C-alpha atoms as a PDB file:
ATOM      1  CA  MET A   1     -17.602  -4.170 -29.356  1.00  0.00           C
ATOM      2  CA  SER A   2     -17.030  -0.828 -27.429  1.00  0.00           C
ATOM      3  CA  ASP A   3     -13.547   0.707 -26.540  1.00  0.00           C
ATOM      4  CA  ARG A   4     -15.006   2.394 -23.604  1.00  0.00           C
ATOM      5  CA  PRO A   5     -13.733   0.911 -20.293  1.00  0.00           C
ATOM      6  CA  GLY A   6     -16.110  -1.008 -18.190  1.00  0.00           C
ATOM      7  CA  LEU A   7     -18.539  -0.831 -21.287  1.00  0.00           C
ATOM      8  CA  VAL A   8     -18.982  -3.777 -23.666  1.00  0.00           C
ATOM      9  CA  VAL A   9     -21.462  -3.400 -26.395  1.00  0.00           C
ATOM     10  CA  GLN A  10     -22.013  -6.123 -29.354  1.00  0.00           C
ATOM     11  CA  GLY A  11     -24.676  -6.541 -31.984  1.00  0.00           C
ATOM     12  CA  VAL A  12     -25.862  -2.991 -31.578  1.00  0.00           C
ATOM     13  CA  ARG A  13     -26.158  -0.681 -34.497  1.00  0.00           C
ATOM     14  CA  ASP A  14     -24.859   2.963 -34.308  1.00  0.00           C
ATOM     15  CA  GLY A  15     -26.975   5.831 -34.072  1.00  0.00           C
ATOM     16  CA  LEU A  16     -29.798   4.358 -31.749  1.00  0.00           C
ATOM     17  CA  HIS A  17     -31.561   6.570 -29.462  1.00  0.00           C
ATOM     18  CA  LEU A  18     -33.566   5.915 -26.484  1.00  0.00           C
ATOM     19  CA  SER A  19     -36.832   7.261 -28.524  1.00  0.00           C
ATOM     20  CA  ASP A  20     -36.432   4.327 -30.997  1.00  0.00           C
ATOM     21  CA  PHE A  21     -37.711   2.217 -27.912  1.00  0.00           C
ATOM     22  CA  LYS A  22     -41.120   2.325 -26.336  1.00  0.00           C
ATOM     23  CA  LEU A  23     -40.650   0.364 -22.936  1.00  0.00           C
ATOM     24  CA  ILE A  24     -37.695  -0.283 -20.576  1.00  0.00           C
ATOM     25  CA  ALA A  25     -38.090  -3.249 -18.297  1.00  0.00           C
ATOM     26  CA  PHE A  26     -35.786  -3.592 -15.080  1.00  0.00           C
ATOM     27  CA  ASP A  27     -35.006  -5.869 -12.474  1.00  0.00           C
ATOM     28  CA  MET A  28     -34.746  -4.663  -9.154  1.00  0.00           C
ATOM     29  CA  ASP A  29     -32.295  -6.361  -6.558  1.00  0.00           C
ATOM     30  CA  SER A  30     -28.543  -5.541  -7.471  1.00  0.00           C
ATOM     31  CA  THR A  31     -29.945  -3.807 -10.628  1.00  0.00           C
ATOM     32  CA  LEU A  32     -32.190  -0.688  -9.705  1.00  0.00           C
ATOM     33  CA  ILE A  33     -30.729  -1.220  -6.123  1.00  0.00           C
ATOM     34  CA  ASN A  34     -27.546  -2.004  -4.282  1.00  0.00           C
ATOM     35  CA  ILE A  35     -28.750  -5.130  -2.316  1.00  0.00           C
ATOM     36  CA  GLU A  36     -30.438  -8.581  -2.655  1.00  0.00           C
ATOM     37  CA  CYS A  37     -33.404  -7.715  -0.367  1.00  0.00           C
ATOM     38  CA  VAL A  38     -34.203 -11.360   0.696  1.00  0.00           C
ATOM     39  CA  ASP A  39     -30.645 -11.732   1.881  1.00  0.00           C
ATOM     40  CA  GLU A  40     -31.037  -8.725   4.121  1.00  0.00           C
ATOM     41  CA  ILE A  41     -34.206  -9.671   5.753  1.00  0.00           C
ATOM     42  CA  ALA A  42     -32.485 -13.000   6.344  1.00  0.00           C
ATOM     43  CA  ASP A  43     -29.929 -11.247   8.605  1.00  0.00           C
ATOM     44  CA  ALA A  44     -32.756 -10.268  10.684  1.00  0.00           C
ATOM     45  CA  ALA A  45     -33.399 -14.044  11.378  1.00  0.00           C
ATOM     46  CA  GLY A  46     -29.418 -14.569  11.606  1.00  0.00           C
ATOM     47  CA  ARG A  47     -29.437 -16.868   8.350  1.00  0.00           C
ATOM     48  CA  LYS A  48     -27.878 -14.060   5.875  1.00  0.00           C
ATOM     49  CA  ALA A  49     -24.984 -16.364   4.852  1.00  0.00           C
ATOM     50  CA  GLU A  50     -27.316 -19.545   4.202  1.00  0.00           C
ATOM     51  CA  VAL A  51     -29.789 -17.367   2.140  1.00  0.00           C
ATOM     52  CA  ALA A  52     -27.159 -15.232   0.347  1.00  0.00           C
ATOM     53  CA  ALA A  53     -25.396 -18.804  -0.792  1.00  0.00           C
ATOM     54  CA  ILE A  54     -28.575 -19.618  -2.228  1.00  0.00           C
ATOM     55  CA  THR A  55     -29.385 -16.090  -3.936  1.00  0.00           C
ATOM     56  CA  GLU A  56     -25.673 -16.176  -5.504  1.00  0.00           C
ATOM     57  CA  ALA A  57     -26.198 -19.637  -6.863  1.00  0.00           C
ATOM     58  CA  ALA A  58     -29.608 -18.893  -8.399  1.00  0.00           C
ATOM     59  CA  MET A  59     -28.147 -15.537  -9.813  1.00  0.00           C
ATOM     60  CA  ARG A  60     -25.241 -17.385 -11.398  1.00  0.00           C
ATOM     61  CA  GLY A  61     -27.602 -20.016 -13.062  1.00  0.00           C
ATOM     62  CA  GLU A  62     -26.302 -22.951 -10.843  1.00  0.00           C
ATOM     63  CA  ILE A  63     -29.901 -23.678  -9.464  1.00  0.00           C
ATOM     64  CA  THR A  64     -32.096 -24.221 -12.359  1.00  0.00           C
ATOM     65  CA  ASP A  65     -35.289 -24.159 -10.574  1.00  0.00           C
ATOM     66  CA  TYR A  66     -35.737 -20.389  -9.411  1.00  0.00           C
ATOM     67  CA  LYS A  67     -38.975 -21.075  -7.698  1.00  0.00           C
ATOM     68  CA  ASP A  68     -37.759 -23.994  -5.590  1.00  0.00           C
ATOM     69  CA  SER A  69     -34.705 -21.792  -4.518  1.00  0.00           C
ATOM     70  CA  LEU A  70     -36.742 -18.737  -3.500  1.00  0.00           C
ATOM     71  CA  ARG A  71     -39.342 -20.951  -1.710  1.00  0.00           C
ATOM     72  CA  ARG A  72     -36.371 -22.320   0.216  1.00  0.00           C
ATOM     73  CA  ARG A  73     -35.074 -18.951   1.124  1.00  0.00           C
ATOM     74  CA  VAL A  74     -38.690 -17.333   2.166  1.00  0.00           C
ATOM     75  CA  ALA A  75     -38.885 -20.480   4.312  1.00  0.00           C
ATOM     76  CA  LEU A  76     -35.802 -19.557   6.098  1.00  0.00           C
ATOM     77  CA  LEU A  77     -37.513 -16.100   6.950  1.00  0.00           C
ATOM     78  CA  LYS A  78     -40.007 -17.593   9.079  1.00  0.00           C
ATOM     79  CA  GLY A  79     -40.730 -15.581  12.242  1.00  0.00           C
ATOM     80  CA  VAL A  80     -39.131 -12.505  11.129  1.00  0.00           C
ATOM     81  CA  PRO A  81     -41.084  -9.177  11.989  1.00  0.00           C
ATOM     82  CA  VAL A  82     -42.270  -7.042   9.137  1.00  0.00           C
ATOM     83  CA  SER A  83     -40.496  -4.203  11.150  1.00  0.00           C
ATOM     84  CA  ALA A  84     -37.060  -5.906   9.867  1.00  0.00           C
ATOM     85  CA  LEU A  85     -38.490  -5.103   6.309  1.00  0.00           C
ATOM     86  CA  HIS A  86     -38.876  -1.258   7.120  1.00  0.00           C
ATOM     87  CA  GLN A  87     -35.285  -1.424   8.672  1.00  0.00           C
ATOM     88  CA  VAL A  88     -33.653  -3.211   5.380  1.00  0.00           C
ATOM     89  CA  TYR A  89     -35.639  -0.175   3.233  1.00  0.00           C
ATOM     90  CA  GLU A  90     -34.664   2.640   5.393  1.00  0.00           C
ATOM     91  CA  GLN A  91     -31.192   1.748   6.353  1.00  0.00           C
ATOM     92  CA  ARG A  92     -29.501  -0.551   4.018  1.00  0.00           C
ATOM     93  CA  LEU A  93     -31.245  -0.169   0.516  1.00  0.00           C
ATOM     94  CA  GLN A  94     -30.099   2.554  -1.949  1.00  0.00           C
ATOM     95  CA  LEU A  95     -30.769   3.198  -5.685  1.00  0.00           C
ATOM     96  CA  ASN A  96     -27.963   2.119  -7.730  1.00  0.00           C
ATOM     97  CA  PRO A  97     -25.524   4.920  -9.200  1.00  0.00           C
ATOM     98  CA  GLY A  98     -27.390   6.398 -12.407  1.00  0.00           C
ATOM     99  CA  ALA A  99     -30.787   4.437 -11.811  1.00  0.00           C
ATOM    100  CA  GLU A 100     -32.636   7.686 -11.272  1.00  0.00           C
ATOM    101  CA  SER A 101     -30.802   9.516 -14.072  1.00  0.00           C
ATOM    102  CA  LEU A 102     -31.727   6.401 -16.308  1.00  0.00           C
ATOM    103  CA  VAL A 103     -35.169   6.051 -15.245  1.00  0.00           C
ATOM    104  CA  GLN A 104     -35.605   9.961 -15.882  1.00  0.00           C
ATOM    105  CA  ALA A 105     -34.239   9.870 -19.147  1.00  0.00           C
ATOM    106  CA  CYS A 106     -36.149   7.306 -20.424  1.00  0.00           C
ATOM    107  CA  GLN A 107     -39.289   8.854 -19.282  1.00  0.00           C
ATOM    108  CA  ALA A 108     -38.290  12.083 -20.922  1.00  0.00           C
ATOM    109  CA  ALA A 109     -38.002  10.295 -24.315  1.00  0.00           C
ATOM    110  CA  GLY A 110     -41.428   8.719 -24.144  1.00  0.00           C
ATOM    111  CA  LEU A 111     -40.743   5.149 -22.826  1.00  0.00           C
ATOM    112  CA  LYS A 112     -42.996   3.034 -20.334  1.00  0.00           C
ATOM    113  CA  THR A 113     -41.250   1.776 -17.403  1.00  0.00           C
ATOM    114  CA  LEU A 114     -41.805  -1.647 -16.117  1.00  0.00           C
ATOM    115  CA  LEU A 115     -40.148  -3.335 -12.940  1.00  0.00           C
ATOM    116  CA  VAL A 116     -40.070  -6.914 -12.701  1.00  0.00           C
ATOM    117  CA  SER A 117     -38.629  -8.520  -9.799  1.00  0.00           C
ATOM    118  CA  GLY A 118     -38.194 -12.105  -8.211  1.00  0.00           C
ATOM    119  CA  GLY A 119     -38.041 -10.092  -4.984  1.00  0.00           C
ATOM    120  CA  PHE A 120     -41.095  -8.600  -2.937  1.00  0.00           C
ATOM    121  CA  THR A 121     -44.009  -6.192  -3.478  1.00  0.00           C
ATOM    122  CA  PHE A 122     -42.942  -4.616   0.131  1.00  0.00           C
ATOM    123  CA  PHE A 123     -39.750  -3.143  -1.752  1.00  0.00           C
ATOM    124  CA  THR A 124     -41.138  -3.024  -5.399  1.00  0.00           C
ATOM    125  CA  ASP A 125     -44.029  -0.985  -4.318  1.00  0.00           C
ATOM    126  CA  ARG A 126     -41.907   1.669  -3.115  1.00  0.00           C
ATOM    127  CA  ILE A 127     -39.148   1.885  -5.479  1.00  0.00           C
ATOM    128  CA  ARG A 128     -42.077   1.966  -8.343  1.00  0.00           C
ATOM    129  CA  ALA A 129     -43.562   5.080  -6.317  1.00  0.00           C
ATOM    130  CA  ARG A 130     -40.048   6.268  -5.793  1.00  0.00           C
ATOM    131  CA  LEU A 131     -39.254   6.311  -9.204  1.00  0.00           C
ATOM    132  CA  ARG A 132     -42.718   6.782 -10.836  1.00  0.00           C
ATOM    133  CA  LEU A 133     -42.689   3.789 -12.859  1.00  0.00           C
ATOM    134  CA  ASP A 134     -45.448   2.570 -14.694  1.00  0.00           C
ATOM    135  CA  ALA A 135     -45.910  -1.118 -13.441  1.00  0.00           C
ATOM    136  CA  ALA A 136     -44.530  -3.652 -11.508  1.00  0.00           C
ATOM    137  CA  ARG A 137     -44.497  -7.574 -10.885  1.00  0.00           C
ATOM    138  CA  SER A 138     -43.225  -9.548  -8.042  1.00  0.00           C
ATOM    139  CA  ASN A 139     -43.959 -11.836  -4.997  1.00  0.00           C
ATOM    140  CA  VAL A 140     -45.831 -11.276  -1.941  1.00  0.00           C
ATOM    141  CA  LEU A 141     -44.701 -12.438   1.370  1.00  0.00           C
ATOM    142  CA  GLU A 142     -47.280 -13.952   3.648  1.00  0.00           C
ATOM    143  CA  VAL A 143     -47.743 -12.194   6.960  1.00  0.00           C
ATOM    144  CA  GLU A 144     -49.585 -13.056  10.108  1.00  0.00           C
ATOM    145  CA  ALA A 145     -49.631 -11.105  13.181  1.00  0.00           C
ATOM    146  CA  GLY A 146     -46.962  -8.959  12.092  1.00  0.00           C
ATOM    147  CA  VAL A 147     -44.544 -11.728  11.181  1.00  0.00           C
ATOM    148  CA  LEU A 148     -43.343 -13.653   8.245  1.00  0.00           C
ATOM    149  CA  THR A 149     -44.945 -17.040   7.870  1.00  0.00           C
ATOM    150  CA  GLY A 150     -41.978 -18.274   5.394  1.00  0.00           C
ATOM    151  CA  ARG A 151     -44.563 -18.705   2.509  1.00  0.00           C
ATOM    152  CA  MET A 152     -45.655 -16.418  -0.071  1.00  0.00           C
ATOM    153  CA  VAL A 153     -49.394 -15.705  -1.530  1.00  0.00           C
ATOM    154  CA  ASP A 154     -50.464 -16.884  -4.878  1.00  0.00           C
ATOM    155  CA  GLN A 155     -51.420 -13.963  -7.153  1.00  0.00           C
ATOM    156  CA  PRO A 156     -53.994 -13.700 -10.087  1.00  0.00           C
ATOM    157  CA  TRP A 157     -51.217 -14.203 -12.530  1.00  0.00           C
ATOM    158  CA  GLY A 158     -49.430 -16.934 -10.825  1.00  0.00           C
ATOM    159  CA  ASP A 159     -47.413 -18.356  -7.783  1.00  0.00           C
ATOM    160  CA  ILE A 160     -43.790 -16.726  -8.221  1.00  0.00           C
ATOM    161  CA  CYS A 161     -42.213 -14.108 -10.380  1.00  0.00           C
ATOM    162  CA  ASP A 162     -39.300 -16.266 -11.924  1.00  0.00           C
ATOM    163  CA  GLY A 163     -37.446 -15.885 -15.132  1.00  0.00           C
ATOM    164  CA  GLU A 164     -40.185 -16.921 -17.226  1.00  0.00           C
ATOM    165  CA  GLU A 165     -42.675 -14.826 -15.526  1.00  0.00           C
ATOM    166  CA  LYS A 166     -40.360 -11.979 -16.382  1.00  0.00           C
ATOM    167  CA  ARG A 167     -40.574 -13.136 -19.895  1.00  0.00           C
ATOM    168  CA  ARG A 168     -44.137 -13.382 -19.861  1.00  0.00           C
ATOM    169  CA  THR A 169     -44.539  -9.946 -18.436  1.00  0.00           C
ATOM    170  CA  LEU A 170     -42.566  -8.355 -20.747  1.00  0.00           C
ATOM    171  CA  LEU A 171     -44.142  -9.768 -23.780  1.00  0.00           C
ATOM    172  CA  ALA A 172     -47.707  -9.104 -22.483  1.00  0.00           C
ATOM    173  CA  THR A 173     -46.780  -5.361 -21.530  1.00  0.00           C
ATOM    174  CA  CYS A 174     -45.559  -5.208 -25.215  1.00  0.00           C
ATOM    175  CA  ALA A 175     -48.661  -6.493 -26.552  1.00  0.00           C
ATOM    176  CA  ASP A 176     -50.723  -4.259 -24.278  1.00  0.00           C
ATOM    177  CA  MET A 177     -48.718  -1.175 -25.536  1.00  0.00           C
ATOM    178  CA  GLY A 178     -49.258  -2.485 -29.174  1.00  0.00           C
ATOM    179  CA  ILE A 179     -45.561  -2.692 -29.647  1.00  0.00           C
ATOM    180  CA  SER A 180     -43.265  -5.671 -30.569  1.00  0.00           C
ATOM    181  CA  ALA A 181     -40.722  -6.909 -28.340  1.00  0.00           C
ATOM    182  CA  ALA A 182     -37.891  -5.389 -30.568  1.00  0.00           C
ATOM    183  CA  GLN A 183     -38.961  -2.001 -29.156  1.00  0.00           C
ATOM    184  CA  ALA A 184     -38.281  -2.947 -25.526  1.00  0.00           C
ATOM    185  CA  ILE A 185     -35.125  -2.666 -23.495  1.00  0.00           C
ATOM    186  CA  ALA A 186     -34.529  -5.334 -20.621  1.00  0.00           C
ATOM    187  CA  VAL A 187     -32.034  -4.468 -17.724  1.00  0.00           C
ATOM    188  CA  GLY A 188     -30.837  -7.352 -15.393  1.00  0.00           C
ATOM    189  CA  ASP A 189     -28.110  -8.807 -13.649  1.00  0.00           C
ATOM    190  CA  GLY A 190     -28.912 -12.723 -13.101  1.00  0.00           C
ATOM    191  CA  ALA A 191     -29.645 -15.710 -14.722  1.00  0.00           C
ATOM    192  CA  ASN A 192     -33.441 -15.115 -14.116  1.00  0.00           C
ATOM    193  CA  ASP A 193     -33.290 -12.086 -16.068  1.00  0.00           C
ATOM    194  CA  LEU A 194     -32.096 -14.006 -19.234  1.00  0.00           C
ATOM    195  CA  PRO A 195     -35.414 -15.100 -20.321  1.00  0.00           C
ATOM    196  CA  MET A 196     -36.806 -11.427 -20.637  1.00  0.00           C
ATOM    197  CA  MET A 197     -33.556  -9.975 -21.898  1.00  0.00           C
ATOM    198  CA  GLY A 198     -33.738 -12.808 -24.857  1.00  0.00           C
ATOM    199  CA  GLU A 199     -36.868 -11.303 -25.628  1.00  0.00           C
ATOM    200  CA  ALA A 200     -36.032  -7.542 -25.672  1.00  0.00           C
ATOM    201  CA  GLY A 201     -34.611  -5.801 -28.697  1.00  0.00           C
ATOM    202  CA  LEU A 202     -31.957  -4.567 -26.624  1.00  0.00           C
ATOM    203  CA  SER A 203     -30.274  -6.419 -23.494  1.00  0.00           C
ATOM    204  CA  VAL A 204     -28.532  -4.707 -20.817  1.00  0.00           C
ATOM    205  CA  ALA A 205     -26.500  -6.627 -18.085  1.00  0.00           C
ATOM    206  CA  TYR A 206     -25.381  -4.263 -15.115  1.00  0.00           C
ATOM    207  CA  HIS A 207     -22.546  -5.475 -12.965  1.00  0.00           C
ATOM    208  CA  ALA A 208     -24.055  -8.978 -13.834  1.00  0.00           C
ATOM    209  CA  LYS A 209     -23.150 -12.688 -13.487  1.00  0.00           C
ATOM    210  CA  PRO A 210     -20.721 -13.716 -16.026  1.00  0.00           C
ATOM    211  CA  ARG A 211     -23.236 -15.922 -18.071  1.00  0.00           C
ATOM    212  CA  VAL A 212     -25.579 -12.930 -18.234  1.00  0.00           C
ATOM    213  CA  ARG A 213     -22.536 -10.543 -19.216  1.00  0.00           C
ATOM    214  CA  GLU A 214     -21.794 -12.970 -22.045  1.00  0.00           C
ATOM    215  CA  GLN A 215     -25.375 -12.974 -23.496  1.00  0.00           C
ATOM    216  CA  ALA A 216     -26.204  -9.294 -23.154  1.00  0.00           C
ATOM    217  CA  MET A 217     -25.990  -6.737 -26.043  1.00  0.00           C
ATOM    218  CA  VAL A 218     -24.664  -4.290 -23.536  1.00  0.00           C
ATOM    219  CA  ALA A 219     -22.587  -5.141 -20.464  1.00  0.00           C
ATOM    220  CA  ILE A 220     -22.058  -2.321 -18.054  1.00  0.00           C
ATOM    221  CA  ASN A 221     -19.142  -3.656 -15.780  1.00  0.00           C
ATOM    222  CA  GLU A 222     -17.842  -0.362 -14.378  1.00  0.00           C
ATOM    223  CA  GLY A 223     -20.026   2.728 -13.392  1.00  0.00           C
ATOM    224  CA  GLY A 224     -23.692   3.511 -13.016  1.00  0.00           C
ATOM    225  CA  LEU A 225     -26.754   2.561 -14.991  1.00  0.00           C
ATOM    226  CA  ASP A 226     -26.660   5.525 -16.689  1.00  0.00           C
ATOM    227  CA  ARG A 227     -23.964   4.712 -18.930  1.00  0.00           C
ATOM    228  CA  LEU A 228     -26.422   3.089 -21.082  1.00  0.00           C
ATOM    229  CA  LEU A 229     -26.997   6.635 -22.427  1.00  0.00           C
ATOM    230  CA  GLU A 230     -23.435   6.132 -23.897  1.00  0.00           C
ATOM    231  CA  VAL A 231     -24.963   3.706 -26.182  1.00  0.00           C
ATOM    232  CA  LEU A 232     -28.377   5.251 -26.703  1.00  0.00           C
ATOM    233  CA  ARG A 233     -28.458   9.033 -26.856  1.00  0.00           C
ATOM    234  CA  ALA A 234     -31.366  11.034 -25.370  1.00  0.00           C
END
């Protein structure tokens, strides 16, 4: 266990370096960024409280069917103009403290960077470009005539990026790289991150829900994402 305030470390051997790993996979909403995008989009429809309540229950693991919970939330976004997504990105979304520093440290140490999100490509595409991440997987909101339809678009790999899809993506990326999952780090905050965190050699919870904090090898409960560098030296 760590004696550093706000940082809990369990089951991690001393002397590990970032370069001991080859891949780091990040969740996006409330991990790399400060908001839950679906909740902020819902604000434009006057339904933020309703959608946020479902999001919170899903992240805490109280709703076990993530796909159903996301379909319910997206259905409530029907009629929201795409311009509202631009406003969320430009006016409300910020990188969480230490996100850029941690990503840059990982890239400098030779790690590939992966973004796996139960959120939407509108935002993950922009965050991927902003942080120069290697790959991203998330969900596509269906748009017709400039407004959201309340549905998502199926993709070649499947319908919705839920916890199981995050796990599959992590393992597939490791396989493509010719590495084991033990050489991967997974960072998240919600129950849908636990499947990929359970496969990774190092699991990191960032300001996470109680269930996630309890199961993670590293729990950052205070400060920024770059506190991981207190555990893994660059």
